[in-house]
Amino acid sequence: MLNIQENSSGVTFKVYIQPRSSKNMIAGLHGDALKIKLKAPPVDGAANKMCIEYLAKCLKVPKSSLEIISGHTSRTKRLRIHYTSRKGPSQTEPEQLIQSILSLTNP
């Protein structure tokens, strides 16, 4: 099961990256992480950059709201999606983000 944590600055979850895939795609779960196959090689941060771009597109959030908080050189990474409002999240924003992330696991 995907472990999603909510805090005051955003929503945090794990991803497992499989670089050099034939196409970019969400491949379900890998333990407690969202498995993402990416075309980019794991060289010079290319896979990290593509991970942010691809997830931003899938979740319909700005790329600037996504951040890799750990695992920059590992296949398993912890990502945070920052809330869009500087005043704090609206009442529905955390729930909407969590639902968007969970919807990726079963297309």
Foldseek 3Di string as FASTA:
>chain_A
DADWDADFFFIKTKEFEAECDPDWAFDADDVNHTYIYHNHDLPPQRRVVVVLVVVCVQLVHDSVQKDFPDDSNHRMTMITRGAPDPVTHDPCVRVSSVVSVVVRNPD
